[in-house]
Amino acid sequence: MAKPSVWAEFWDFLKVRKKFWLAPIILLLLLLGALIVFTEGSALAPFIYTLF
C-alpha cells in the first residue's frame, strides 16, 4: 500500500478536524516563502525587503 503524500495527509487533517481556516494561512506562508526565495538574488530584493 502506497504511503500518502504530505499534502494528502494535510488535506485529510483539514477535513476530519474541520480546520479549513488553516488553509489560507498555510497558503499565504508558502507564497511569502516562495517570494523571498525567488527574489533573493534579483534586482527586486530591495523593494521586497522594504515591505517587511
N, C-alpha and C. Protein backbone atom coordinates (compact mmCIF):
# COMPACT_ATOMS: atom_id res chain seq x y z
N MET A 1 0.85 -1.18 0.00
CA MET A 1 0.00 0.00 0.00
C MET A 1 0.89 1.24 0.00
N ALA A 2 0.58 2.15 -0.90
CA ALA A 2 1.40 3.36 -1.05
C ALA A 2 1.14 4.31 0.12
N LYS A 3 2.20 4.96 0.53
CA LYS A 3 2.11 5.93 1.61
C LYS A 3 1.58 7.24 1.05
N PRO A 4 0.56 7.85 1.68
CA PRO A 4 0.02 9.11 1.16
C PRO A 4 1.04 10.25 1.28
N SER A 5 0.92 11.20 0.39
CA SER A 5 1.84 12.33 0.40
C SER A 5 1.52 13.26 1.57
N VAL A 6 2.41 14.18 1.82
CA VAL A 6 2.22 15.15 2.89
C VAL A 6 0.97 15.99 2.62
N TRP A 7 0.77 16.36 1.36
CA TRP A 7 -0.38 17.19 1.01
C TRP A 7 -1.68 16.44 1.21
N ALA A 8 -1.69 15.13 0.87
CA ALA A 8 -2.90 14.33 1.07
C ALA A 8 -3.20 14.18 2.56
N GLU A 9 -2.18 13.97 3.35
CA GLU A 9 -2.39 13.86 4.80
C GLU A 9 -2.86 15.19 5.38
N PHE A 10 -2.30 16.29 4.91
CA PHE A 10 -2.72 17.60 5.39
C PHE A 10 -4.17 17.87 5.04
N TRP A 11 -4.57 17.52 3.81
CA TRP A 11 -5.95 17.72 3.39
C TRP A 11 -6.89 16.85 4.22
N ASP A 12 -6.50 15.60 4.49
CA ASP A 12 -7.31 14.73 5.34
C ASP A 12 -7.45 15.31 6.75
N PHE A 13 -6.36 15.86 7.27
CA PHE A 13 -6.40 16.51 8.58
C PHE A 13 -7.40 17.65 8.60
N LEU A 14 -7.36 18.49 7.55
CA LEU A 14 -8.28 19.63 7.48
C LEU A 14 -9.73 19.16 7.41
N LYS A 15 -9.98 18.09 6.64
CA LYS A 15 -11.35 17.60 6.50
C LYS A 15 -11.86 16.99 7.80
N VAL A 16 -11.05 16.17 8.44
CA VAL A 16 -11.50 15.47 9.65
C VAL A 16 -11.66 16.43 10.82
N ARG A 17 -10.71 17.32 11.00
CA ARG A 17 -10.73 18.23 12.16
C ARG A 17 -11.52 19.51 11.92
N LYS A 18 -12.03 19.69 10.70
CA LYS A 18 -12.79 20.90 10.34
C LYS A 18 -11.97 22.16 10.59
N LYS A 19 -10.74 22.14 10.16
CA LYS A 19 -9.83 23.28 10.34
C LYS A 19 -9.55 23.97 9.00
N PHE A 20 -10.60 24.20 8.23
CA PHE A 20 -10.42 24.80 6.91
C PHE A 20 -9.86 26.21 6.98
N TRP A 21 -9.98 26.87 8.11
CA TRP A 21 -9.45 28.22 8.25
C TRP A 21 -7.92 28.23 8.22
N LEU A 22 -7.28 27.07 8.41
CA LEU A 22 -5.82 26.99 8.35
C LEU A 22 -5.29 27.05 6.91
N ALA A 23 -6.10 26.64 5.95
CA ALA A 23 -5.64 26.57 4.56
C ALA A 23 -5.17 27.92 4.03
N PRO A 24 -5.90 29.03 4.20
CA PRO A 24 -5.39 30.32 3.69
C PRO A 24 -4.11 30.77 4.38
N ILE A 25 -3.98 30.47 5.66
CA ILE A 25 -2.77 30.85 6.39
C ILE A 25 -1.57 30.10 5.85
N ILE A 26 -1.71 28.79 5.65
CA ILE A 26 -0.62 27.98 5.11
C ILE A 26 -0.28 28.44 3.70
N LEU A 27 -1.28 28.71 2.90
CA LEU A 27 -1.04 29.17 1.52
C LEU A 27 -0.31 30.49 1.51
N LEU A 28 -0.70 31.41 2.36
CA LEU A 28 -0.03 32.71 2.44
C LEU A 28 1.43 32.56 2.87
N LEU A 29 1.68 31.71 3.85
CA LEU A 29 3.06 31.47 4.29
C LEU A 29 3.91 30.86 3.18
N LEU A 30 3.33 29.92 2.44
CA LEU A 30 4.06 29.32 1.32
C LEU A 30 4.36 30.34 0.22
N LEU A 31 3.40 31.20 -0.08
CA LEU A 31 3.62 32.22 -1.10
C LEU A 31 4.67 33.24 -0.67
N LEU A 32 4.64 33.66 0.58
CA LEU A 32 5.66 34.59 1.07
C LEU A 32 7.05 33.94 1.07
N GLY A 33 7.11 32.69 1.45
CA GLY A 33 8.39 31.97 1.42
C GLY A 33 8.93 31.85 0.00
N ALA A 34 8.05 31.53 -0.95
CA ALA A 34 8.47 31.42 -2.34
C ALA A 34 8.91 32.78 -2.87
N LEU A 35 8.22 33.84 -2.50
CA LEU A 35 8.59 35.19 -2.92
C LEU A 35 9.99 35.54 -2.43
N ILE A 36 10.28 35.23 -1.19
CA ILE A 36 11.61 35.53 -0.64
C ILE A 36 12.69 34.70 -1.32
N VAL A 37 12.42 33.43 -1.56
CA VAL A 37 13.42 32.56 -2.19
C VAL A 37 13.69 32.99 -3.63
N PHE A 38 12.64 33.27 -4.39
CA PHE A 38 12.83 33.58 -5.81
C PHE A 38 13.39 34.98 -6.06
N THR A 39 13.21 35.90 -5.13
CA THR A 39 13.73 37.25 -5.34
C THR A 39 15.01 37.51 -4.55
N GLU A 40 15.57 36.47 -3.99
CA GLU A 40 16.76 36.64 -3.14
C GLU A 40 17.93 37.28 -3.88
N GLY A 41 18.20 36.83 -5.08
CA GLY A 41 19.36 37.34 -5.79
C GLY A 41 19.01 38.28 -6.93
N SER A 42 17.80 38.77 -6.95
CA SER A 42 17.40 39.61 -8.08
C SER A 42 17.45 41.09 -7.72
N ALA A 43 17.15 41.90 -8.72
CA ALA A 43 17.13 43.34 -8.50
C ALA A 43 15.89 43.79 -7.73
N LEU A 44 14.93 42.90 -7.59
CA LEU A 44 13.71 43.24 -6.84
C LEU A 44 13.88 43.11 -5.33
N ALA A 45 14.96 42.51 -4.90
CA ALA A 45 15.16 42.24 -3.47
C ALA A 45 15.05 43.48 -2.59
N PRO A 46 15.65 44.60 -2.95
CA PRO A 46 15.50 45.77 -2.06
C PRO A 46 14.06 46.24 -1.92
N PHE A 47 13.26 46.08 -2.96
CA PHE A 47 11.87 46.51 -2.89
C PHE A 47 11.04 45.54 -2.05
N ILE A 48 11.36 44.26 -2.11
CA ILE A 48 10.65 43.27 -1.32
C ILE A 48 10.97 43.47 0.16
N TYR A 49 12.21 43.70 0.49
CA TYR A 49 12.62 43.82 1.88
C TYR A 49 12.04 45.08 2.54
N THR A 50 11.70 46.08 1.75
CA THR A 50 11.11 47.28 2.34
C THR A 50 9.66 47.00 2.80
N LEU A 51 9.05 45.96 2.28
CA LEU A 51 7.71 45.60 2.72
C LEU A 51 7.70 45.05 4.13
N PHE A 52 8.81 44.48 4.54
CA PHE A 52 8.87 43.86 5.85
C PHE A 52 9.66 44.73 6.76
